[in-house]
Amino acid sequence: MIDSTIEIFVDGLAEPTNPGIGTYGYVVLRDGKVLTRGHGFDGNPVSNNHAEYAGLVRALLEVTGYADEEIVVRTDSKMVANQMSGNWKVSKKAYKSKSEWSYVDKYLEAKEVAGRFSRITFVWIPRELNSEADELSRVAYREQLREG
């Protein structure tokens, strides 16, 4: 077994309002070196929480080949870090929401994908430590405005 660490930095946004145009960005490092990075469109309208989870799902899918390695997901979303760690529950109100932009579907997908990894942790980080993933989510937003 290879003893290395995969770090995933992920961010999502909904602009110009929440809910709005949802985009995400992520950066994946293996032992401190960039393995991959990406960004994408999540939908319109979606909440920023939905976009955060969409980015998490996409980033995790990028590293499924490393399922036996230690995975550390870093996000500036306290909600994502705490819900994925099991510290916070998804509210009953969120489950009952019939809105297109409710994040519960993406949360459930993220839980399913994260379950494929034998060693995965979720860590909240301040926004200033997540600048590259944040910028990639903004790149995706600008691309959506151009394609609009």
N, C-alpha and C. Protein backbone atom coordinates (compact mmCIF):
# COMPACT_ATOMS: atom_id res chain seq x y z
N MET A 1 0.84 -1.19 0.00
CA MET A 1 0.00 0.00 0.00
C MET A 1 0.88 1.25 0.00
N ILE A 2 0.53 2.18 -0.83
CA ILE A 2 1.25 3.45 -0.90
C ILE A 2 0.78 4.32 0.25
N ASP A 3 1.72 4.86 1.00
CA ASP A 3 1.38 5.69 2.14
C ASP A 3 1.51 7.16 1.74
N SER A 4 0.45 7.69 1.16
CA SER A 4 0.46 9.09 0.76
C SER A 4 -0.88 9.71 1.13
N THR A 5 -0.95 11.02 0.98
CA THR A 5 -2.17 11.75 1.34
C THR A 5 -2.67 12.52 0.14
N ILE A 6 -3.97 12.43 -0.07
CA ILE A 6 -4.65 13.22 -1.09
C ILE A 6 -5.37 14.34 -0.35
N GLU A 7 -5.08 15.58 -0.74
CA GLU A 7 -5.79 16.74 -0.18
C GLU A 7 -6.69 17.31 -1.27
N ILE A 8 -7.94 17.55 -0.90
CA ILE A 8 -8.90 18.14 -1.83
C ILE A 8 -9.37 19.47 -1.24
N PHE A 9 -9.21 20.53 -2.01
CA PHE A 9 -9.73 21.84 -1.65
C PHE A 9 -10.93 22.07 -2.56
N VAL A 10 -12.09 22.39 -1.98
CA VAL A 10 -13.30 22.52 -2.78
C VAL A 10 -14.08 23.76 -2.36
N ASP A 11 -14.74 24.38 -3.35
CA ASP A 11 -15.56 25.56 -3.07
C ASP A 11 -16.69 25.62 -4.08
N GLY A 12 -17.78 26.24 -3.67
CA GLY A 12 -18.92 26.44 -4.56
C GLY A 12 -19.54 27.80 -4.30
N LEU A 13 -20.29 28.28 -5.28
CA LEU A 13 -20.96 29.56 -5.10
C LEU A 13 -22.25 29.59 -5.90
N ALA A 14 -23.10 30.51 -5.52
CA ALA A 14 -24.33 30.81 -6.27
C ALA A 14 -24.36 32.32 -6.43
N GLU A 15 -24.35 32.78 -7.66
CA GLU A 15 -24.29 34.22 -7.96
C GLU A 15 -25.32 34.54 -9.04
N PRO A 16 -25.79 35.74 -9.21
CA PRO A 16 -25.47 36.92 -8.40
C PRO A 16 -26.26 36.96 -7.09
N THR A 17 -27.23 36.04 -6.94
CA THR A 17 -27.98 35.93 -5.69
C THR A 17 -27.99 34.45 -5.29
N ASN A 18 -28.44 34.20 -4.09
CA ASN A 18 -28.55 32.83 -3.60
C ASN A 18 -30.02 32.53 -3.34
N PRO A 19 -30.67 31.66 -4.11
CA PRO A 19 -30.11 30.81 -5.16
C PRO A 19 -29.81 31.60 -6.43
N GLY A 20 -28.95 31.01 -7.24
CA GLY A 20 -28.55 31.66 -8.47
C GLY A 20 -27.80 30.70 -9.36
N ILE A 21 -26.87 31.23 -10.14
CA ILE A 21 -26.05 30.40 -11.01
C ILE A 21 -25.02 29.70 -10.13
N GLY A 22 -25.11 28.38 -10.07
CA GLY A 22 -24.23 27.60 -9.21
C GLY A 22 -23.01 27.10 -9.95
N THR A 23 -21.85 27.35 -9.38
CA THR A 23 -20.59 26.87 -9.96
C THR A 23 -19.69 26.39 -8.82
N TYR A 24 -18.67 25.66 -9.19
CA TYR A 24 -17.75 25.12 -8.18
C TYR A 24 -16.34 25.05 -8.75
N GLY A 25 -15.39 24.90 -7.84
CA GLY A 25 -14.00 24.70 -8.19
C GLY A 25 -13.36 23.76 -7.20
N TYR A 26 -12.33 23.06 -7.64
CA TYR A 26 -11.62 22.16 -6.74
C TYR A 26 -10.17 22.01 -7.19
N VAL A 27 -9.32 21.71 -6.22
CA VAL A 27 -7.92 21.44 -6.46
C VAL A 27 -7.59 20.17 -5.67
N VAL A 28 -6.93 19.22 -6.33
CA VAL A 28 -6.55 17.97 -5.69
C VAL A 28 -5.03 17.88 -5.67
N LEU A 29 -4.48 17.68 -4.48
CA LEU A 29 -3.04 17.54 -4.30
C LEU A 29 -2.73 16.13 -3.79
N ARG A 30 -1.63 15.59 -4.25
CA ARG A 30 -1.14 14.33 -3.71
C ARG A 30 0.26 14.60 -3.20
N ASP A 31 0.43 14.44 -1.90
CA ASP A 31 1.71 14.74 -1.26
C ASP A 31 2.21 16.13 -1.62
N GLY A 32 1.29 17.09 -1.65
CA GLY A 32 1.63 18.49 -1.86
C GLY A 32 1.77 18.93 -3.30
N LYS A 33 1.65 18.01 -4.25
CA LYS A 33 1.76 18.35 -5.67
C LYS A 33 0.40 18.24 -6.34
N VAL A 34 0.11 19.18 -7.23
CA VAL A 34 -1.19 19.20 -7.90
C VAL A 34 -1.36 17.92 -8.72
N LEU A 35 -2.43 17.21 -8.41
CA LEU A 35 -2.80 16.02 -9.16
C LEU A 35 -3.79 16.40 -10.26
N THR A 36 -4.77 17.22 -9.88
CA THR A 36 -5.75 17.72 -10.85
C THR A 36 -6.45 18.93 -10.25
N ARG A 37 -7.09 19.68 -11.10
CA ARG A 37 -7.93 20.79 -10.66
C ARG A 37 -9.04 20.93 -11.69
N GLY A 38 -10.13 21.53 -11.26
CA GLY A 38 -11.23 21.67 -12.19
C GLY A 38 -12.28 22.63 -11.69
N HIS A 39 -13.24 22.91 -12.56
CA HIS A 39 -14.34 23.78 -12.21
C HIS A 39 -15.52 23.41 -13.09
N GLY A 40 -16.71 23.82 -12.65
CA GLY A 40 -17.87 23.46 -13.45
C GLY A 40 -19.14 24.19 -13.04
N PHE A 41 -20.16 23.96 -13.84
CA PHE A 41 -21.49 24.55 -13.67
C PHE A 41 -22.37 23.54 -12.95
N ASP A 42 -23.11 23.99 -11.95
CA ASP A 42 -23.98 23.10 -11.18
C ASP A 42 -25.44 23.24 -11.56
N GLY A 43 -25.88 24.40 -11.98
CA GLY A 43 -27.28 24.59 -12.33
C GLY A 43 -27.72 26.01 -12.06
N ASN A 44 -28.97 26.30 -12.45
CA ASN A 44 -29.53 27.64 -12.24
C ASN A 44 -31.06 27.53 -12.22
N PRO A 45 -31.68 27.80 -11.09
CA PRO A 45 -31.10 28.27 -9.84
C PRO A 45 -30.74 27.09 -8.91
N VAL A 46 -29.64 27.24 -8.23
CA VAL A 46 -29.26 26.34 -7.14
C VAL A 46 -28.72 27.19 -6.00
N SER A 47 -28.72 26.62 -4.80
CA SER A 47 -28.16 27.33 -3.64
C SER A 47 -26.64 27.19 -3.63
N ASN A 48 -26.01 28.05 -2.88
CA ASN A 48 -24.56 27.93 -2.73
C ASN A 48 -24.22 26.59 -2.06
N ASN A 49 -25.07 26.10 -1.17
CA ASN A 49 -24.82 24.81 -0.53
C ASN A 49 -24.85 23.68 -1.56
N HIS A 50 -25.80 23.75 -2.48
CA HIS A 50 -25.88 22.75 -3.55
C HIS A 50 -24.59 22.77 -4.37
N ALA A 51 -24.12 23.97 -4.70
CA ALA A 51 -22.89 24.10 -5.50
C ALA A 51 -21.67 23.59 -4.73
N GLU A 52 -21.63 23.83 -3.42
CA GLU A 52 -20.53 23.30 -2.59
C GLU A 52 -20.50 21.78 -2.69
N TYR A 53 -21.65 21.15 -2.53
CA TYR A 53 -21.72 19.69 -2.59
C TYR A 53 -21.44 19.17 -4.00
N ALA A 54 -21.87 19.89 -5.02
CA ALA A 54 -21.58 19.47 -6.39
C ALA A 54 -20.08 19.44 -6.63
N GLY A 55 -19.38 20.45 -6.13
CA GLY A 55 -17.92 20.48 -6.26
C GLY A 55 -17.27 19.34 -5.51
N LEU A 56 -17.78 19.04 -4.33
CA LEU A 56 -17.24 17.93 -3.54
C LEU A 56 -17.42 16.61 -4.29
N VAL A 57 -18.62 16.38 -4.81
CA VAL A 57 -18.87 15.14 -5.56
C VAL A 57 -17.92 15.03 -6.74
N ARG A 58 -17.80 16.10 -7.52
CA ARG A 58 -16.93 16.06 -8.71
C ARG A 58 -15.47 15.77 -8.33
N ALA A 59 -14.99 16.43 -7.27
CA ALA A 59 -13.61 16.23 -6.84
C ALA A 59 -13.39 14.80 -6.34
N LEU A 60 -14.34 14.26 -5.58
CA LEU A 60 -14.20 12.89 -5.09
C LEU A 60 -14.20 11.88 -6.25
N LEU A 61 -15.03 12.14 -7.25
CA LEU A 61 -15.05 11.25 -8.41
C LEU A 61 -13.71 11.26 -9.14
N GLU A 62 -13.01 12.39 -9.08
CA GLU A 62 -11.69 12.50 -9.72
C GLU A 62 -10.65 11.60 -9.05
N VAL A 63 -10.86 11.25 -7.78
CA VAL A 63 -9.83 10.50 -7.04
C VAL A 63 -10.29 9.10 -6.63
N THR A 64 -11.30 8.56 -7.28
CA THR A 64 -11.78 7.23 -6.88
C THR A 64 -10.68 6.16 -7.02
N GLY A 65 -9.72 6.37 -7.87
CA GLY A 65 -8.61 5.43 -8.00
C GLY A 65 -7.67 5.43 -6.81
N TYR A 66 -7.85 6.35 -5.90
CA TYR A 66 -7.01 6.46 -4.71
C TYR A 66 -7.80 6.12 -3.45
N ALA A 67 -8.80 5.27 -3.58
CA ALA A 67 -9.75 5.00 -2.49
C ALA A 67 -9.09 4.45 -1.23
N ASP A 68 -7.93 3.82 -1.34
CA ASP A 68 -7.28 3.27 -0.15
C ASP A 68 -6.28 4.22 0.48
N GLU A 69 -6.08 5.36 -0.14
CA GLU A 69 -5.15 6.35 0.44
C GLU A 69 -5.91 7.27 1.39
N GLU A 70 -5.17 7.98 2.20
CA GLU A 70 -5.79 8.94 3.10
C GLU A 70 -6.27 10.14 2.29
N ILE A 71 -7.54 10.48 2.46
CA ILE A 71 -8.14 11.62 1.76
C ILE A 71 -8.53 12.67 2.81
N VAL A 72 -8.06 13.89 2.60
CA VAL A 72 -8.43 15.01 3.48
C VAL A 72 -9.10 16.06 2.61
N VAL A 73 -10.38 16.30 2.88
CA VAL A 73 -11.14 17.31 2.14
C VAL A 73 -11.13 18.58 2.97
N ARG A 74 -10.73 19.67 2.35
CA ARG A 74 -10.68 20.98 3.02
C ARG A 74 -11.68 21.90 2.32
N THR A 75 -12.55 22.48 3.12
CA THR A 75 -13.59 23.36 2.59
C THR A 75 -13.78 24.54 3.52
N ASP A 76 -14.16 25.68 2.94
CA ASP A 76 -14.47 26.84 3.79
C ASP A 76 -15.96 26.87 4.15
N SER A 77 -16.68 25.81 3.83
CA SER A 77 -18.08 25.68 4.23
C SER A 77 -18.16 24.87 5.52
N LYS A 78 -18.49 25.55 6.63
CA LYS A 78 -18.63 24.85 7.90
C LYS A 78 -19.72 23.79 7.80
N MET A 79 -20.79 24.11 7.04
CA MET A 79 -21.88 23.16 6.89
C MET A 79 -21.40 21.88 6.23
N VAL A 80 -20.70 21.97 5.11
CA VAL A 80 -20.22 20.78 4.42
C VAL A 80 -19.27 19.99 5.31
N ALA A 81 -18.30 20.66 5.91
CA ALA A 81 -17.34 19.96 6.77
C ALA A 81 -18.04 19.23 7.91
N ASN A 82 -18.98 19.90 8.55
CA ASN A 82 -19.65 19.30 9.71
C ASN A 82 -20.70 18.26 9.34
N GLN A 83 -21.44 18.47 8.26
CA GLN A 83 -22.41 17.46 7.85
C GLN A 83 -21.69 16.21 7.35
N MET A 84 -20.66 16.37 6.56
CA MET A 84 -19.96 15.20 6.03
C MET A 84 -19.21 14.44 7.13
N SER A 85 -18.81 15.14 8.19
CA SER A 85 -18.14 14.50 9.32
C SER A 85 -19.13 13.84 10.27
N GLY A 86 -20.40 14.13 10.08
CA GLY A 86 -21.41 13.57 10.97
C GLY A 86 -21.66 14.39 12.23
N ASN A 87 -21.05 15.57 12.31
CA ASN A 87 -21.24 16.43 13.48
C ASN A 87 -22.56 17.19 13.43
N TRP A 88 -23.03 17.53 12.23
CA TRP A 88 -24.30 18.22 12.05
C TRP A 88 -25.20 17.34 11.19
N LYS A 89 -26.48 17.38 11.49
CA LYS A 89 -27.46 16.66 10.68
C LYS A 89 -28.03 17.59 9.63
N VAL A 90 -28.55 17.00 8.57
CA VAL A 90 -29.29 17.77 7.57
C VAL A 90 -30.66 18.03 8.19
N SER A 91 -31.10 19.27 8.16
CA SER A 91 -32.37 19.61 8.83
C SER A 91 -33.55 18.95 8.14
N LYS A 92 -34.56 18.66 8.94
CA LYS A 92 -35.79 18.09 8.38
C LYS A 92 -36.41 19.04 7.37
N LYS A 93 -36.27 20.34 7.62
CA LYS A 93 -36.79 21.33 6.68
C LYS A 93 -36.13 21.18 5.31
N ALA A 94 -34.82 20.94 5.30
CA ALA A 94 -34.10 20.77 4.03
C ALA A 94 -34.58 19.52 3.31
N TYR A 95 -34.83 18.43 4.06
CA TYR A 95 -35.32 17.20 3.45
C TYR A 95 -36.70 17.39 2.83
N LYS A 96 -37.53 18.21 3.47
CA LYS A 96 -38.90 18.41 3.01
C LYS A 96 -39.00 19.37 1.84
N SER A 97 -37.97 20.15 1.62
CA SER A 97 -38.00 21.16 0.57
C SER A 97 -38.18 20.52 -0.80
N LYS A 98 -39.12 21.03 -1.55
CA LYS A 98 -39.34 20.55 -2.92
C LYS A 98 -38.65 21.46 -3.93
N SER A 99 -37.94 22.43 -3.45
CA SER A 99 -37.28 23.40 -4.31
C SER A 99 -36.21 22.75 -5.17
N GLU A 100 -36.08 23.23 -6.39
CA GLU A 100 -35.03 22.75 -7.29
C GLU A 100 -33.64 22.99 -6.72
N TRP A 101 -33.51 24.00 -5.88
CA TRP A 101 -32.18 24.37 -5.42
C TRP A 101 -31.83 23.82 -4.05
N SER A 102 -32.70 22.99 -3.46
CA SER A 102 -32.36 22.35 -2.20
C SER A 102 -31.10 21.50 -2.39
N TYR A 103 -30.24 21.49 -1.40
CA TYR A 103 -28.96 20.81 -1.53
C TYR A 103 -28.99 19.34 -1.12
N VAL A 104 -30.11 18.86 -0.61
CA VAL A 104 -30.15 17.51 -0.04
C VAL A 104 -29.76 16.44 -1.04
N ASP A 105 -30.20 16.57 -2.29
CA ASP A 105 -29.83 15.55 -3.28
C ASP A 105 -28.32 15.45 -3.46
N LYS A 106 -27.64 16.59 -3.49
CA LYS A 106 -26.19 16.59 -3.64
C LYS A 106 -25.50 16.11 -2.36
N TYR A 107 -26.06 16.45 -1.21
CA TYR A 107 -25.51 15.95 0.05
C TYR A 107 -25.56 14.42 0.07
N LEU A 108 -26.70 13.85 -0.30
CA LEU A 108 -26.85 12.39 -0.30
C LEU A 108 -25.89 11.76 -1.30
N GLU A 109 -25.71 12.39 -2.45
CA GLU A 109 -24.76 11.88 -3.45
C GLU A 109 -23.33 11.95 -2.89
N ALA A 110 -23.00 13.05 -2.23
CA ALA A 110 -21.67 13.20 -1.64
C ALA A 110 -21.42 12.14 -0.57
N LYS A 111 -22.41 11.84 0.24
CA LYS A 111 -22.26 10.80 1.27
C LYS A 111 -22.01 9.45 0.62
N GLU A 112 -22.73 9.17 -0.46
CA GLU A 112 -22.56 7.89 -1.16
C GLU A 112 -21.16 7.79 -1.75
N VAL A 113 -20.71 8.83 -2.42
CA VAL A 113 -19.38 8.80 -3.05
C VAL A 113 -18.30 8.75 -1.97
N ALA A 114 -18.44 9.52 -0.91
CA ALA A 114 -17.43 9.52 0.17
C ALA A 114 -17.33 8.15 0.82
N GLY A 115 -18.41 7.39 0.83
CA GLY A 115 -18.41 6.06 1.41
C GLY A 115 -17.52 5.07 0.66
N ARG A 116 -17.07 5.43 -0.52
CA ARG A 116 -16.19 4.57 -1.30
C ARG A 116 -14.74 4.62 -0.82
N PHE A 117 -14.44 5.58 0.06
CA PHE A 117 -13.08 5.79 0.53
C PHE A 117 -12.91 5.20 1.92
N SER A 118 -11.80 4.50 2.11
CA SER A 118 -11.59 3.85 3.40
C SER A 118 -11.10 4.81 4.49
N ARG A 119 -10.40 5.88 4.08
CA ARG A 119 -9.88 6.84 5.06
C ARG A 119 -10.11 8.25 4.53
N ILE A 120 -11.22 8.85 4.96
CA ILE A 120 -11.55 10.20 4.48
C ILE A 120 -11.96 11.06 5.67
N THR A 121 -11.44 12.28 5.69
CA THR A 121 -11.82 13.24 6.71
C THR A 121 -12.18 14.56 6.04
N PHE A 122 -12.97 15.34 6.75
CA PHE A 122 -13.44 16.64 6.26
C PHE A 122 -13.03 17.70 7.26
N VAL A 123 -12.40 18.76 6.76
CA VAL A 123 -11.83 19.79 7.62
C VAL A 123 -12.30 21.16 7.14
N TRP A 124 -12.81 21.96 8.08
CA TRP A 124 -13.16 23.34 7.74
C TRP A 124 -11.87 24.16 7.76
N ILE A 125 -11.73 25.03 6.76
CA ILE A 125 -10.61 25.97 6.71
C ILE A 125 -11.16 27.37 6.45
N PRO A 126 -10.44 28.40 6.89
CA PRO A 126 -10.88 29.76 6.58
C PRO A 126 -10.83 30.02 5.07
N ARG A 127 -11.69 30.89 4.62
CA ARG A 127 -11.79 31.20 3.18
C ARG A 127 -10.44 31.57 2.57
N GLU A 128 -9.62 32.31 3.30
CA GLU A 128 -8.34 32.75 2.73
C GLU A 128 -7.38 31.58 2.46
N LEU A 129 -7.62 30.43 3.04
CA LEU A 129 -6.80 29.25 2.77
C LEU A 129 -7.38 28.39 1.64
N ASN A 130 -8.46 28.88 1.05
CA ASN A 130 -9.13 28.13 -0.02
C ASN A 130 -9.21 28.96 -1.30
N SER A 131 -8.24 29.82 -1.50
CA SER A 131 -8.32 30.81 -2.57
C SER A 131 -8.30 30.21 -3.97
N GLU A 132 -7.55 29.13 -4.19
CA GLU A 132 -7.48 28.58 -5.54
C GLU A 132 -8.81 27.92 -5.94
N ALA A 133 -9.42 27.15 -5.04
CA ALA A 133 -10.73 26.56 -5.34
C ALA A 133 -11.78 27.65 -5.51
N ASP A 134 -11.71 28.69 -4.69
CA ASP A 134 -12.64 29.81 -4.80
C ASP A 134 -12.49 30.47 -6.17
N GLU A 135 -11.27 30.72 -6.59
CA GLU A 135 -11.04 31.37 -7.88
C GLU A 135 -11.55 30.49 -9.02
N LEU A 136 -11.36 29.18 -8.92
CA LEU A 136 -11.86 28.29 -9.96
C LEU A 136 -13.38 28.30 -10.04
N SER A 137 -14.06 28.43 -8.90
CA SER A 137 -15.52 28.54 -8.93
C SER A 137 -15.94 29.84 -9.61
N ARG A 138 -15.15 30.89 -9.43
CA ARG A 138 -15.45 32.17 -10.07
C ARG A 138 -15.15 32.14 -11.57
N VAL A 139 -14.13 31.38 -11.96
CA VAL A 139 -13.85 31.17 -13.38
C VAL A 139 -15.06 30.50 -14.03
N ALA A 140 -15.59 29.48 -13.37
CA ALA A 140 -16.76 28.77 -13.91
C ALA A 140 -17.96 29.72 -14.00
N TYR A 141 -18.12 30.60 -13.02
CA TYR A 141 -19.23 31.56 -13.05
C TYR A 141 -19.07 32.52 -14.24
N ARG A 142 -17.86 33.04 -14.43
CA ARG A 142 -17.63 33.95 -15.56
C ARG A 142 -17.89 33.23 -16.89
N GLU A 143 -17.51 31.97 -16.98
CA GLU A 143 -17.80 31.21 -18.20
C GLU A 143 -19.30 31.09 -18.44
N GLN A 144 -20.07 30.89 -17.38
CA GLN A 144 -21.53 30.80 -17.53
C GLN A 144 -22.13 32.12 -17.98
N LEU A 145 -21.60 33.22 -17.49
CA LEU A 145 -22.10 34.52 -17.93
C LEU A 145 -21.83 34.73 -19.41
N ARG A 146 -20.66 34.32 -19.88
CA ARG A 146 -20.33 34.46 -21.31
C ARG A 146 -21.22 33.56 -22.18
N GLU A 147 -21.50 32.35 -21.68
CA GLU A 147 -22.32 31.42 -22.46
C GLU A 147 -23.80 31.76 -22.40
N GLY A 148 -24.18 32.45 -21.27
CA GLY A 148 -25.54 32.82 -20.93
C GLY A 148 -26.46 33.01 -22.04
